[in-house]
Amino acid sequence: MFELVCTYTFLSLTYLLWSAANTKVVSLKVILKIAPIVTLQFYVLVQLFYGKATSSETHLLKLFVALLFSSIGDVLLVYQANTVCFLTGILAFSVQQMLYTSLFGAGYDRLTPFGILVGIITLIIYLYLLPKMKEFLVLPAAVYCCLIGCMLWRALVRFQVKGDVIGVTGAVVFYISDSLLAVNKFRHQLFLAEQLIMTTYYTAQLCITISMINSL
């Protein structure tokens, strides 16, 4: 696990520093951007085939597929100026959020105040973004807001039931990352937006992956 964290951190910092230089080589940007997530995918595959019990295969497979869709979404959002790429990217991350929700667990049928709180916050953010949103994005954005809100809700419930600090940290930071991305795209440009968005994003993905591996 230590080697994973070190490699992942190095690759993440490489992309963040490279993007800060405003280099315009798109193909290199794609490779550097997805490299940390591909590292997580590789680690999960190693656990799937060599490191964990057979009973954990479904859990690890879900995690791998979630990370795979994440890397697909990352590539597509590099070309987000293209409407088709942006919408397909939202779809890819929607699949990831559904898988993460499943991994955090849908079996806890209590602690609904978390759901209400997340729902209210998500609605406020969505309404804040709505005035500057193009009409064809209104529905996809609403669906994605619901999905990431549900993911965060389940992570909060899991935290109270199982004390999963790393997992809930990942979920909260992922929620923050996507909120920053949405504000930057639909309302106003943020200072060092790429660095803020990707730092929180990479942190979230690492935390959620570690949480899911540790829970086996």
N, C-alpha and C. Protein backbone atom coordinates (compact mmCIF):
# COMPACT_ATOMS: atom_id res chain seq x y z
N MET A 1 0.82 -1.21 0.00
CA MET A 1 0.00 0.00 0.00
C MET A 1 0.87 1.27 0.00
N PHE A 2 1.99 1.22 0.75
CA PHE A 2 2.88 2.39 0.79
C PHE A 2 3.42 2.72 -0.60
N GLU A 3 3.80 1.67 -1.33
CA GLU A 3 4.32 1.87 -2.69
C GLU A 3 3.26 2.48 -3.60
N LEU A 4 2.01 2.04 -3.42
CA LEU A 4 0.90 2.59 -4.21
C LEU A 4 0.75 4.09 -3.94
N VAL A 5 0.73 4.46 -2.67
CA VAL A 5 0.53 5.86 -2.30
C VAL A 5 1.67 6.72 -2.85
N CYS A 6 2.90 6.24 -2.74
CA CYS A 6 4.04 7.00 -3.24
C CYS A 6 3.99 7.18 -4.76
N THR A 7 3.71 6.09 -5.47
CA THR A 7 3.63 6.16 -6.93
C THR A 7 2.49 7.06 -7.37
N TYR A 8 1.35 6.89 -6.73
CA TYR A 8 0.17 7.68 -7.07
C TYR A 8 0.42 9.16 -6.81
N THR A 9 1.03 9.48 -5.69
CA THR A 9 1.32 10.87 -5.35
C THR A 9 2.29 11.49 -6.36
N PHE A 10 3.32 10.74 -6.72
CA PHE A 10 4.29 11.22 -7.71
C PHE A 10 3.62 11.52 -9.05
N LEU A 11 2.80 10.60 -9.52
CA LEU A 11 2.12 10.78 -10.81
C LEU A 11 1.12 11.94 -10.75
N SER A 12 0.44 12.06 -9.63
CA SER A 12 -0.52 13.17 -9.47
C SER A 12 0.19 14.51 -9.49
N LEU A 13 1.30 14.61 -8.75
CA LEU A 13 2.06 15.85 -8.72
C LEU A 13 2.66 16.18 -10.08
N THR A 14 3.05 15.15 -10.80
CA THR A 14 3.59 15.36 -12.15
C THR A 14 2.55 16.03 -13.04
N TYR A 15 1.33 15.52 -13.00
CA TYR A 15 0.28 16.13 -13.82
C TYR A 15 -0.04 17.55 -13.35
N LEU A 16 -0.14 17.75 -12.05
CA LEU A 16 -0.49 19.06 -11.53
C LEU A 16 0.55 20.11 -11.88
N LEU A 17 1.82 19.75 -11.78
CA LEU A 17 2.89 20.69 -12.13
C LEU A 17 2.93 20.94 -13.63
N TRP A 18 2.71 19.89 -14.42
CA TRP A 18 2.71 20.03 -15.87
C TRP A 18 1.55 20.91 -16.33
N SER A 19 0.38 20.69 -15.76
CA SER A 19 -0.79 21.49 -16.16
C SER A 19 -0.64 22.95 -15.75
N ALA A 20 0.08 23.19 -14.65
CA ALA A 20 0.31 24.57 -14.22
C ALA A 20 1.18 25.33 -15.20
N ALA A 21 1.97 24.59 -15.99
CA ALA A 21 2.84 25.22 -16.99
C ALA A 21 2.09 25.60 -18.26
N ASN A 22 0.78 25.23 -18.32
CA ASN A 22 -0.07 25.57 -19.46
C ASN A 22 0.43 24.99 -20.77
N THR A 23 1.04 23.82 -20.69
CA THR A 23 1.49 23.15 -21.92
C THR A 23 0.28 22.71 -22.74
N LYS A 24 0.36 22.87 -24.04
CA LYS A 24 -0.80 22.64 -24.91
C LYS A 24 -0.77 21.30 -25.64
N VAL A 25 0.15 20.43 -25.30
CA VAL A 25 0.23 19.13 -25.97
C VAL A 25 -0.87 18.23 -25.41
N VAL A 26 -1.96 18.10 -26.16
CA VAL A 26 -3.15 17.43 -25.64
C VAL A 26 -2.91 15.95 -25.38
N SER A 27 -2.22 15.29 -26.29
CA SER A 27 -1.99 13.86 -26.13
C SER A 27 -1.21 13.56 -24.86
N LEU A 28 -0.21 14.39 -24.55
CA LEU A 28 0.56 14.21 -23.32
C LEU A 28 -0.30 14.51 -22.10
N LYS A 29 -1.17 15.50 -22.23
CA LYS A 29 -2.07 15.84 -21.12
C LYS A 29 -2.96 14.66 -20.77
N VAL A 30 -3.49 14.00 -21.79
CA VAL A 30 -4.36 12.85 -21.56
C VAL A 30 -3.61 11.75 -20.81
N ILE A 31 -2.39 11.45 -21.26
CA ILE A 31 -1.60 10.38 -20.65
C ILE A 31 -1.28 10.70 -19.19
N LEU A 32 -0.81 11.93 -18.96
CA LEU A 32 -0.44 12.31 -17.59
C LEU A 32 -1.66 12.40 -16.68
N LYS A 33 -2.78 12.82 -17.23
CA LYS A 33 -3.99 12.99 -16.42
C LYS A 33 -4.52 11.66 -15.90
N ILE A 34 -4.53 10.65 -16.76
CA ILE A 34 -5.12 9.37 -16.35
C ILE A 34 -4.11 8.44 -15.68
N ALA A 35 -2.82 8.78 -15.73
CA ALA A 35 -1.79 7.89 -15.17
C ALA A 35 -2.04 7.52 -13.71
N PRO A 36 -2.41 8.47 -12.83
CA PRO A 36 -2.65 8.08 -11.44
C PRO A 36 -3.82 7.10 -11.30
N ILE A 37 -4.89 7.31 -12.07
CA ILE A 37 -6.06 6.43 -11.98
C ILE A 37 -5.74 5.05 -12.56
N VAL A 38 -4.94 5.01 -13.61
CA VAL A 38 -4.51 3.72 -14.18
C VAL A 38 -3.68 2.95 -13.15
N THR A 39 -2.89 3.67 -12.37
CA THR A 39 -2.12 3.04 -11.30
C THR A 39 -3.04 2.37 -10.29
N LEU A 40 -4.12 3.05 -9.93
CA LEU A 40 -5.10 2.46 -9.01
C LEU A 40 -5.75 1.22 -9.63
N GLN A 41 -6.07 1.32 -10.92
CA GLN A 41 -6.66 0.17 -11.61
C GLN A 41 -5.72 -1.04 -11.56
N PHE A 42 -4.44 -0.79 -11.82
CA PHE A 42 -3.45 -1.87 -11.80
C PHE A 42 -3.37 -2.49 -10.41
N TYR A 43 -3.37 -1.67 -9.38
CA TYR A 43 -3.29 -2.17 -8.01
C TYR A 43 -4.51 -3.03 -7.67
N VAL A 44 -5.68 -2.57 -8.09
CA VAL A 44 -6.90 -3.34 -7.83
C VAL A 44 -6.85 -4.68 -8.55
N LEU A 45 -6.35 -4.68 -9.79
CA LEU A 45 -6.23 -5.95 -10.54
C LEU A 45 -5.28 -6.91 -9.84
N VAL A 46 -4.20 -6.39 -9.30
CA VAL A 46 -3.26 -7.24 -8.56
C VAL A 46 -3.96 -7.86 -7.35
N GLN A 47 -4.75 -7.04 -6.64
CA GLN A 47 -5.50 -7.57 -5.49
C GLN A 47 -6.54 -8.60 -5.94
N LEU A 48 -7.13 -8.34 -7.10
CA LEU A 48 -8.17 -9.24 -7.60
C LEU A 48 -7.62 -10.61 -7.94
N PHE A 49 -6.46 -10.63 -8.57
CA PHE A 49 -5.93 -11.91 -9.04
C PHE A 49 -4.95 -12.58 -8.09
N TYR A 50 -4.33 -11.78 -7.21
CA TYR A 50 -3.28 -12.36 -6.38
C TYR A 50 -3.42 -12.12 -4.88
N GLY A 51 -4.13 -11.04 -4.50
CA GLY A 51 -4.02 -10.62 -3.11
C GLY A 51 -5.17 -10.90 -2.18
N LYS A 52 -6.36 -11.15 -2.71
CA LYS A 52 -7.51 -11.24 -1.83
C LYS A 52 -8.27 -12.53 -2.04
N ALA A 53 -9.16 -12.82 -1.10
CA ALA A 53 -9.94 -14.05 -1.15
C ALA A 53 -10.95 -14.01 -2.28
N THR A 54 -11.38 -15.20 -2.70
CA THR A 54 -12.33 -15.33 -3.80
C THR A 54 -13.64 -14.60 -3.50
N SER A 55 -14.02 -14.58 -2.23
CA SER A 55 -15.28 -13.94 -1.84
C SER A 55 -15.29 -12.43 -2.10
N SER A 56 -14.10 -11.85 -2.32
CA SER A 56 -14.00 -10.40 -2.54
C SER A 56 -13.98 -10.03 -4.02
N GLU A 57 -14.10 -11.00 -4.90
CA GLU A 57 -13.94 -10.73 -6.33
C GLU A 57 -14.95 -9.72 -6.86
N THR A 58 -16.21 -9.86 -6.47
CA THR A 58 -17.24 -8.93 -6.96
C THR A 58 -16.95 -7.51 -6.50
N HIS A 59 -16.56 -7.38 -5.25
CA HIS A 59 -16.23 -6.08 -4.67
C HIS A 59 -15.08 -5.42 -5.45
N LEU A 60 -14.02 -6.17 -5.68
CA LEU A 60 -12.86 -5.64 -6.39
C LEU A 60 -13.17 -5.36 -7.86
N LEU A 61 -13.98 -6.19 -8.46
CA LEU A 61 -14.36 -5.98 -9.86
C LEU A 61 -15.16 -4.69 -10.01
N LYS A 62 -16.08 -4.45 -9.08
CA LYS A 62 -16.84 -3.19 -9.10
C LYS A 62 -15.91 -2.00 -8.98
N LEU A 63 -14.94 -2.11 -8.09
CA LEU A 63 -13.99 -1.02 -7.89
C LEU A 63 -13.17 -0.78 -9.14
N PHE A 64 -12.72 -1.85 -9.77
CA PHE A 64 -11.94 -1.71 -11.00
C PHE A 64 -12.76 -1.05 -12.10
N VAL A 65 -13.99 -1.50 -12.28
CA VAL A 65 -14.85 -0.93 -13.33
C VAL A 65 -15.14 0.54 -13.05
N ALA A 66 -15.35 0.88 -11.77
CA ALA A 66 -15.58 2.28 -11.40
C ALA A 66 -14.38 3.14 -11.79
N LEU A 67 -13.17 2.66 -11.49
CA LEU A 67 -11.96 3.40 -11.85
C LEU A 67 -11.76 3.45 -13.36
N LEU A 68 -12.16 2.39 -14.04
CA LEU A 68 -12.06 2.37 -15.51
C LEU A 68 -12.95 3.45 -16.12
N PHE A 69 -14.19 3.54 -15.65
CA PHE A 69 -15.09 4.58 -16.15
C PHE A 69 -14.59 5.97 -15.77
N SER A 70 -13.92 6.06 -14.63
CA SER A 70 -13.33 7.33 -14.23
C SER A 70 -12.27 7.79 -15.22
N SER A 71 -11.40 6.87 -15.62
CA SER A 71 -10.35 7.23 -16.57
C SER A 71 -10.94 7.58 -17.94
N ILE A 72 -12.01 6.89 -18.32
CA ILE A 72 -12.70 7.23 -19.57
C ILE A 72 -13.26 8.65 -19.48
N GLY A 73 -13.89 8.95 -18.35
CA GLY A 73 -14.42 10.30 -18.14
C GLY A 73 -13.33 11.35 -18.16
N ASP A 74 -12.18 11.02 -17.56
CA ASP A 74 -11.06 11.96 -17.56
C ASP A 74 -10.62 12.32 -18.97
N VAL A 75 -10.52 11.30 -19.81
CA VAL A 75 -10.11 11.54 -21.20
C VAL A 75 -11.14 12.40 -21.92
N LEU A 76 -12.39 12.08 -21.76
CA LEU A 76 -13.45 12.81 -22.46
C LEU A 76 -13.52 14.28 -22.02
N LEU A 77 -13.27 14.53 -20.74
CA LEU A 77 -13.36 15.91 -20.25
C LEU A 77 -12.18 16.77 -20.69
N VAL A 78 -11.12 16.15 -21.18
CA VAL A 78 -10.04 16.93 -21.79
C VAL A 78 -10.59 17.66 -23.01
N TYR A 79 -11.58 17.04 -23.66
CA TYR A 79 -12.20 17.60 -24.88
C TYR A 79 -13.60 18.13 -24.58
N GLN A 80 -13.81 18.67 -23.37
CA GLN A 80 -15.15 19.06 -22.94
C GLN A 80 -15.75 20.21 -23.73
N ALA A 81 -14.92 20.91 -24.51
CA ALA A 81 -15.47 21.95 -25.38
C ALA A 81 -16.39 21.33 -26.43
N ASN A 82 -16.16 20.06 -26.73
CA ASN A 82 -17.04 19.31 -27.63
C ASN A 82 -18.23 18.79 -26.81
N THR A 83 -19.43 19.16 -27.19
CA THR A 83 -20.63 18.82 -26.43
C THR A 83 -20.79 17.31 -26.24
N VAL A 84 -20.56 16.55 -27.29
CA VAL A 84 -20.71 15.09 -27.21
C VAL A 84 -19.73 14.51 -26.20
N CYS A 85 -18.49 14.98 -26.23
CA CYS A 85 -17.48 14.50 -25.29
C CYS A 85 -17.86 14.84 -23.86
N PHE A 86 -18.36 16.06 -23.66
CA PHE A 86 -18.73 16.47 -22.31
C PHE A 86 -19.89 15.63 -21.76
N LEU A 87 -20.92 15.42 -22.58
CA LEU A 87 -22.05 14.62 -22.15
C LEU A 87 -21.66 13.17 -21.91
N THR A 88 -20.81 12.63 -22.77
CA THR A 88 -20.35 11.25 -22.59
C THR A 88 -19.49 11.14 -21.34
N GLY A 89 -18.72 12.19 -21.06
CA GLY A 89 -17.92 12.23 -19.84
C GLY A 89 -18.80 12.21 -18.60
N ILE A 90 -19.89 12.98 -18.64
CA ILE A 90 -20.84 12.96 -17.53
C ILE A 90 -21.42 11.56 -17.35
N LEU A 91 -21.73 10.91 -18.46
CA LEU A 91 -22.26 9.54 -18.40
C LEU A 91 -21.26 8.59 -17.76
N ALA A 92 -19.99 8.70 -18.16
CA ALA A 92 -18.95 7.82 -17.59
C ALA A 92 -18.82 8.02 -16.09
N PHE A 93 -18.80 9.26 -15.65
CA PHE A 93 -18.70 9.52 -14.21
C PHE A 93 -19.99 9.15 -13.48
N SER A 94 -21.11 9.18 -14.17
CA SER A 94 -22.37 8.73 -13.56
C SER A 94 -22.32 7.25 -13.23
N VAL A 95 -21.77 6.48 -14.17
CA VAL A 95 -21.61 5.04 -13.91
C VAL A 95 -20.69 4.83 -12.72
N GLN A 96 -19.61 5.60 -12.67
CA GLN A 96 -18.69 5.48 -11.54
C GLN A 96 -19.39 5.78 -10.21
N GLN A 97 -20.19 6.85 -10.18
CA GLN A 97 -20.87 7.21 -8.93
C GLN A 97 -21.85 6.12 -8.49
N MET A 98 -22.52 5.50 -9.45
CA MET A 98 -23.43 4.40 -9.10
C MET A 98 -22.68 3.22 -8.50
N LEU A 99 -21.53 2.93 -9.07
CA LEU A 99 -20.71 1.82 -8.55
C LEU A 99 -20.15 2.16 -7.17
N TYR A 100 -19.72 3.39 -6.97
CA TYR A 100 -19.23 3.79 -5.65
C TYR A 100 -20.35 3.74 -4.61
N THR A 101 -21.53 4.15 -5.02
CA THR A 101 -22.68 4.08 -4.10
C THR A 101 -22.92 2.64 -3.67
N SER A 102 -22.86 1.73 -4.62
CA SER A 102 -23.02 0.31 -4.32
C SER A 102 -21.91 -0.19 -3.41
N LEU A 103 -20.68 0.25 -3.65
CA LEU A 103 -19.54 -0.18 -2.83
C LEU A 103 -19.63 0.34 -1.41
N PHE A 104 -20.10 1.58 -1.25
CA PHE A 104 -20.27 2.13 0.10
C PHE A 104 -21.39 1.41 0.85
N GLY A 105 -22.31 0.83 0.10
CA GLY A 105 -23.35 0.01 0.73
C GLY A 105 -24.70 0.67 0.72
N ALA A 106 -25.67 -0.04 0.15
CA ALA A 106 -27.04 0.47 0.11
C ALA A 106 -27.93 -0.22 1.13
N GLY A 107 -27.32 -1.01 2.02
CA GLY A 107 -28.10 -1.82 2.94
C GLY A 107 -28.42 -1.17 4.27
N TYR A 108 -27.86 0.00 4.52
CA TYR A 108 -28.14 0.67 5.79
C TYR A 108 -29.41 1.50 5.64
N ASP A 109 -30.44 1.13 6.36
CA ASP A 109 -31.74 1.77 6.14
C ASP A 109 -32.07 2.78 7.24
N ARG A 110 -31.04 3.32 7.88
CA ARG A 110 -31.30 4.34 8.89
C ARG A 110 -30.44 5.56 8.61
N LEU A 111 -30.44 6.51 9.56
CA LEU A 111 -29.64 7.72 9.42
C LEU A 111 -30.04 8.55 8.20
N THR A 112 -31.34 8.61 7.94
CA THR A 112 -31.82 9.40 6.80
C THR A 112 -31.52 10.89 6.89
N PRO A 113 -31.28 11.48 8.09
CA PRO A 113 -30.90 12.91 8.10
C PRO A 113 -29.71 13.24 7.22
N PHE A 114 -28.77 12.30 7.08
CA PHE A 114 -27.65 12.53 6.17
C PHE A 114 -28.15 12.73 4.75
N GLY A 115 -29.09 11.91 4.35
CA GLY A 115 -29.64 12.04 3.00
C GLY A 115 -30.33 13.36 2.79
N ILE A 116 -31.08 13.81 3.81
CA ILE A 116 -31.78 15.10 3.71
C ILE A 116 -30.78 16.24 3.61
N LEU A 117 -29.73 16.20 4.45
CA LEU A 117 -28.72 17.25 4.44
C LEU A 117 -28.00 17.33 3.10
N VAL A 118 -27.55 16.18 2.61
CA VAL A 118 -26.86 16.16 1.32
C VAL A 118 -27.79 16.61 0.20
N GLY A 119 -29.06 16.19 0.28
CA GLY A 119 -30.03 16.59 -0.73
C GLY A 119 -30.22 18.10 -0.78
N ILE A 120 -30.29 18.73 0.38
CA ILE A 120 -30.48 20.18 0.44
C ILE A 120 -29.26 20.90 -0.13
N ILE A 121 -28.06 20.47 0.28
CA ILE A 121 -26.82 21.09 -0.22
C ILE A 121 -26.71 20.93 -1.73
N THR A 122 -27.02 19.73 -2.22
CA THR A 122 -26.93 19.46 -3.66
C THR A 122 -27.93 20.32 -4.43
N LEU A 123 -29.13 20.46 -3.91
CA LEU A 123 -30.15 21.29 -4.56
C LEU A 123 -29.70 22.74 -4.63
N ILE A 124 -29.12 23.25 -3.55
CA ILE A 124 -28.64 24.63 -3.53
C ILE A 124 -27.55 24.84 -4.59
N ILE A 125 -26.62 23.90 -4.68
CA ILE A 125 -25.54 24.01 -5.67
C ILE A 125 -26.12 23.96 -7.09
N TYR A 126 -27.06 23.05 -7.31
CA TYR A 126 -27.65 22.91 -8.64
C TYR A 126 -28.39 24.18 -9.04
N LEU A 127 -29.15 24.75 -8.12
CA LEU A 127 -29.89 25.98 -8.43
C LEU A 127 -28.94 27.15 -8.67
N TYR A 128 -27.80 27.14 -8.00
CA TYR A 128 -26.80 28.18 -8.21
C TYR A 128 -26.21 28.08 -9.62
N LEU A 129 -26.03 26.85 -10.10
CA LEU A 129 -25.44 26.63 -11.42
C LEU A 129 -26.45 26.83 -12.55
N LEU A 130 -27.71 26.59 -12.27
CA LEU A 130 -28.75 26.51 -13.30
C LEU A 130 -28.86 27.74 -14.21
N PRO A 131 -28.80 28.97 -13.69
CA PRO A 131 -29.00 30.14 -14.58
C PRO A 131 -28.01 30.23 -15.74
N LYS A 132 -26.80 29.71 -15.57
CA LYS A 132 -25.78 29.81 -16.62
C LYS A 132 -25.63 28.51 -17.41
N MET A 133 -26.50 27.55 -17.14
CA MET A 133 -26.38 26.25 -17.78
C MET A 133 -27.17 26.21 -19.09
N LYS A 134 -26.56 25.63 -20.12
CA LYS A 134 -27.27 25.48 -21.38
C LYS A 134 -28.42 24.50 -21.21
N GLU A 135 -29.47 24.70 -21.99
CA GLU A 135 -30.71 23.94 -21.80
C GLU A 135 -30.50 22.43 -21.92
N PHE A 136 -29.66 22.00 -22.86
CA PHE A 136 -29.48 20.56 -23.08
C PHE A 136 -28.70 19.89 -21.94
N LEU A 137 -28.09 20.71 -21.06
CA LEU A 137 -27.34 20.16 -19.93
C LEU A 137 -28.15 20.10 -18.64
N VAL A 138 -29.32 20.71 -18.65
CA VAL A 138 -30.11 20.81 -17.41
C VAL A 138 -30.45 19.43 -16.84
N LEU A 139 -30.95 18.55 -17.68
CA LEU A 139 -31.33 17.22 -17.19
C LEU A 139 -30.12 16.35 -16.85
N PRO A 140 -29.11 16.23 -17.74
CA PRO A 140 -27.94 15.43 -17.38
C PRO A 140 -27.26 15.91 -16.09
N ALA A 141 -27.19 17.23 -15.92
CA ALA A 141 -26.57 17.77 -14.71
C ALA A 141 -27.39 17.43 -13.47
N ALA A 142 -28.71 17.48 -13.60
CA ALA A 142 -29.58 17.14 -12.48
C ALA A 142 -29.41 15.68 -12.08
N VAL A 143 -29.33 14.81 -13.08
CA VAL A 143 -29.15 13.38 -12.80
C VAL A 143 -27.81 13.14 -12.12
N TYR A 144 -26.77 13.78 -12.64
CA TYR A 144 -25.45 13.57 -12.04
C TYR A 144 -25.40 14.11 -10.61
N CYS A 145 -26.03 15.25 -10.37
CA CYS A 145 -26.08 15.80 -9.01
C CYS A 145 -26.74 14.81 -8.05
N CYS A 146 -27.80 14.19 -8.51
CA CYS A 146 -28.48 13.19 -7.68
C CYS A 146 -27.57 12.00 -7.38
N LEU A 147 -26.83 11.56 -8.39
CA LEU A 147 -25.97 10.39 -8.23
C LEU A 147 -24.81 10.65 -7.29
N ILE A 148 -24.14 11.79 -7.45
CA ILE A 148 -23.00 12.06 -6.57
C ILE A 148 -23.49 12.39 -5.16
N GLY A 149 -24.67 12.99 -5.08
CA GLY A 149 -25.25 13.24 -3.76
C GLY A 149 -25.58 11.95 -3.05
N CYS A 150 -26.11 10.99 -3.79
CA CYS A 150 -26.42 9.67 -3.23
C CYS A 150 -25.15 8.96 -2.78
N MET A 151 -24.09 9.07 -3.58
CA MET A 151 -22.81 8.47 -3.21
C MET A 151 -22.30 9.05 -1.89
N LEU A 152 -22.36 10.36 -1.76
CA LEU A 152 -21.90 11.01 -0.54
C LEU A 152 -22.76 10.59 0.66
N TRP A 153 -24.06 10.52 0.45
CA TRP A 153 -24.97 10.10 1.52
C TRP A 153 -24.61 8.71 2.04
N ARG A 154 -24.40 7.77 1.11
CA ARG A 154 -24.08 6.41 1.54
C ARG A 154 -22.73 6.34 2.25
N ALA A 155 -21.78 7.19 1.80
CA ALA A 155 -20.48 7.23 2.46
C ALA A 155 -20.61 7.76 3.89
N LEU A 156 -21.46 8.76 4.08
CA LEU A 156 -21.69 9.30 5.42
C LEU A 156 -22.36 8.27 6.33
N VAL A 157 -23.30 7.54 5.77
CA VAL A 157 -23.96 6.48 6.54
C VAL A 157 -22.97 5.39 6.91
N ARG A 158 -22.14 5.01 5.95
CA ARG A 158 -21.12 3.99 6.22
C ARG A 158 -20.16 4.45 7.31
N PHE A 159 -19.83 5.74 7.29
CA PHE A 159 -18.94 6.28 8.31
C PHE A 159 -19.53 6.13 9.70
N GLN A 160 -20.81 6.44 9.84
CA GLN A 160 -21.42 6.34 11.16
C GLN A 160 -21.62 4.88 11.59
N VAL A 161 -21.87 4.01 10.63
CA VAL A 161 -22.09 2.60 10.95
C VAL A 161 -20.77 1.87 11.18
N LYS A 162 -19.77 2.13 10.32
CA LYS A 162 -18.53 1.35 10.37
C LYS A 162 -17.29 2.16 10.72
N GLY A 163 -17.45 3.49 10.86
CA GLY A 163 -16.30 4.32 11.19
C GLY A 163 -15.29 4.44 10.07
N ASP A 164 -15.75 4.41 8.84
CA ASP A 164 -14.84 4.46 7.68
C ASP A 164 -14.44 5.91 7.40
N VAL A 165 -13.38 6.36 8.08
CA VAL A 165 -12.93 7.74 7.95
C VAL A 165 -12.34 8.00 6.57
N ILE A 166 -11.53 7.08 6.08
CA ILE A 166 -10.87 7.27 4.77
C ILE A 166 -11.91 7.33 3.66
N GLY A 167 -12.89 6.43 3.72
CA GLY A 167 -13.92 6.41 2.68
C GLY A 167 -14.77 7.67 2.65
N VAL A 168 -15.19 8.13 3.81
CA VAL A 168 -16.04 9.33 3.84
C VAL A 168 -15.22 10.57 3.46
N THR A 169 -13.94 10.57 3.79
CA THR A 169 -13.07 11.67 3.36
C THR A 169 -13.01 11.72 1.84
N GLY A 170 -12.83 10.54 1.23
CA GLY A 170 -12.81 10.48 -0.23
C GLY A 170 -14.09 10.97 -0.86
N ALA A 171 -15.22 10.55 -0.29
CA ALA A 171 -16.52 10.95 -0.83
C ALA A 171 -16.75 12.45 -0.72
N VAL A 172 -16.42 13.01 0.44
CA VAL A 172 -16.60 14.45 0.65
C VAL A 172 -15.71 15.24 -0.30
N VAL A 173 -14.45 14.82 -0.44
CA VAL A 173 -13.52 15.54 -1.30
C VAL A 173 -13.91 15.40 -2.77
N PHE A 174 -14.45 14.23 -3.15
CA PHE A 174 -14.94 14.05 -4.52
C PHE A 174 -16.10 15.01 -4.79
N TYR A 175 -16.99 15.13 -3.84
CA TYR A 175 -18.12 16.05 -3.95
C TYR A 175 -17.62 17.49 -4.12
N ILE A 176 -16.62 17.86 -3.33
CA ILE A 176 -16.04 19.20 -3.44
C ILE A 176 -15.40 19.39 -4.81
N SER A 177 -14.67 18.38 -5.28
CA SER A 177 -13.99 18.47 -6.57
C SER A 177 -14.98 18.71 -7.70
N ASP A 178 -16.06 17.93 -7.72
CA ASP A 178 -17.05 18.10 -8.79
C ASP A 178 -17.79 19.43 -8.66
N SER A 179 -17.97 19.90 -7.44
CA SER A 179 -18.61 21.21 -7.24
C SER A 179 -17.72 22.32 -7.79
N LEU A 180 -16.42 22.21 -7.54
CA LEU A 180 -15.48 23.19 -8.08
C LEU A 180 -15.48 23.16 -9.60
N LEU A 181 -15.49 21.95 -10.16
CA LEU A 181 -15.52 21.81 -11.62
C LEU A 181 -16.76 22.47 -12.21
N ALA A 182 -17.90 22.23 -11.57
CA ALA A 182 -19.16 22.78 -12.08
C ALA A 182 -19.20 24.30 -11.97
N VAL A 183 -18.74 24.83 -10.85
CA VAL A 183 -18.71 26.29 -10.67
C VAL A 183 -17.78 26.92 -11.71
N ASN A 184 -16.63 26.29 -11.92
CA ASN A 184 -15.67 26.81 -12.89
C ASN A 184 -16.22 26.79 -14.31
N LYS A 185 -17.02 25.79 -14.63
CA LYS A 185 -17.56 25.66 -15.99
C LYS A 185 -18.80 26.52 -16.21
N PHE A 186 -19.68 26.56 -15.22
CA PHE A 186 -20.99 27.18 -15.44
C PHE A 186 -21.16 28.58 -14.85
N ARG A 187 -20.35 28.95 -13.86
CA ARG A 187 -20.55 30.26 -13.23
C ARG A 187 -19.39 31.22 -13.51
N HIS A 188 -18.23 30.92 -12.99
CA HIS A 188 -17.08 31.80 -13.24
C HIS A 188 -15.80 31.00 -13.07
N GLN A 189 -14.77 31.45 -13.76
CA GLN A 189 -13.50 30.74 -13.72
C GLN A 189 -12.81 30.95 -12.38
N LEU A 190 -12.32 29.86 -11.81
CA LEU A 190 -11.63 29.90 -10.53
C LEU A 190 -10.13 30.06 -10.75
N PHE A 191 -9.48 30.68 -9.80
CA PHE A 191 -8.02 30.82 -9.85
C PHE A 191 -7.39 29.44 -9.64
N LEU A 192 -6.47 29.06 -10.53
CA LEU A 192 -5.83 27.74 -10.48
C LEU A 192 -6.88 26.63 -10.45
N ALA A 193 -7.88 26.78 -11.30
CA ALA A 193 -9.00 25.84 -11.30
C ALA A 193 -8.56 24.40 -11.53
N GLU A 194 -7.72 24.18 -12.53
CA GLU A 194 -7.29 22.82 -12.85
C GLU A 194 -6.58 22.17 -11.66
N GLN A 195 -5.73 22.94 -11.00
CA GLN A 195 -4.98 22.40 -9.86
C GLN A 195 -5.91 22.10 -8.68
N LEU A 196 -6.85 22.99 -8.42
CA LEU A 196 -7.80 22.77 -7.33
C LEU A 196 -8.68 21.55 -7.60
N ILE A 197 -9.21 21.48 -8.81
CA ILE A 197 -10.12 20.39 -9.17
C ILE A 197 -9.40 19.05 -9.14
N MET A 198 -8.23 19.00 -9.75
CA MET A 198 -7.53 17.73 -9.87
C MET A 198 -6.87 17.30 -8.56
N THR A 199 -6.45 18.24 -7.73
CA THR A 199 -5.89 17.86 -6.43
C THR A 199 -6.96 17.18 -5.57
N THR A 200 -8.13 17.78 -5.54
CA THR A 200 -9.21 17.17 -4.75
C THR A 200 -9.68 15.86 -5.40
N TYR A 201 -9.71 15.83 -6.71
CA TYR A 201 -10.14 14.62 -7.42
C TYR A 201 -9.19 13.46 -7.16
N TYR A 202 -7.89 13.70 -7.33
CA TYR A 202 -6.92 12.63 -7.09
C TYR A 202 -6.95 12.16 -5.64
N THR A 203 -7.09 13.10 -4.71
CA THR A 203 -7.18 12.74 -3.29
C THR A 203 -8.38 11.85 -3.04
N ALA A 204 -9.51 12.22 -3.63
CA ALA A 204 -10.74 11.46 -3.44
C ALA A 204 -10.61 10.04 -3.97
N GLN A 205 -10.09 9.91 -5.17
CA GLN A 205 -9.98 8.57 -5.78
C GLN A 205 -9.05 7.67 -4.96
N LEU A 206 -7.95 8.22 -4.48
CA LEU A 206 -7.04 7.42 -3.67
C LEU A 206 -7.69 6.99 -2.36
N CYS A 207 -8.36 7.91 -1.69
CA CYS A 207 -9.02 7.59 -0.42
C CYS A 207 -10.09 6.52 -0.58
N ILE A 208 -10.92 6.65 -1.61
CA ILE A 208 -11.99 5.68 -1.82
C ILE A 208 -11.41 4.31 -2.16
N THR A 209 -10.38 4.28 -2.99
CA THR A 209 -9.75 3.00 -3.34
C THR A 209 -9.15 2.34 -2.10
N ILE A 210 -8.41 3.08 -1.31
CA ILE A 210 -7.81 2.53 -0.08
C ILE A 210 -8.90 2.02 0.85
N SER A 211 -9.96 2.81 0.99
CA SER A 211 -11.07 2.40 1.86
C SER A 211 -11.67 1.07 1.43
N MET A 212 -11.89 0.93 0.12
CA MET A 212 -12.51 -0.30 -0.38
C MET A 212 -11.57 -1.50 -0.25
N ILE A 213 -10.28 -1.29 -0.46
CA ILE A 213 -9.32 -2.38 -0.30
C ILE A 213 -9.23 -2.79 1.18
N ASN A 214 -9.18 -1.80 2.05
CA ASN A 214 -9.06 -2.08 3.48
C ASN A 214 -10.28 -2.79 4.06
N SER A 215 -11.43 -2.59 3.41
CA SER A 215 -12.67 -3.17 3.93
C SER A 215 -12.81 -4.64 3.63
N LEU A 216 -11.91 -5.19 2.80
CA LEU A 216 -12.01 -6.60 2.41
C LEU A 216 -11.57 -7.51 3.55
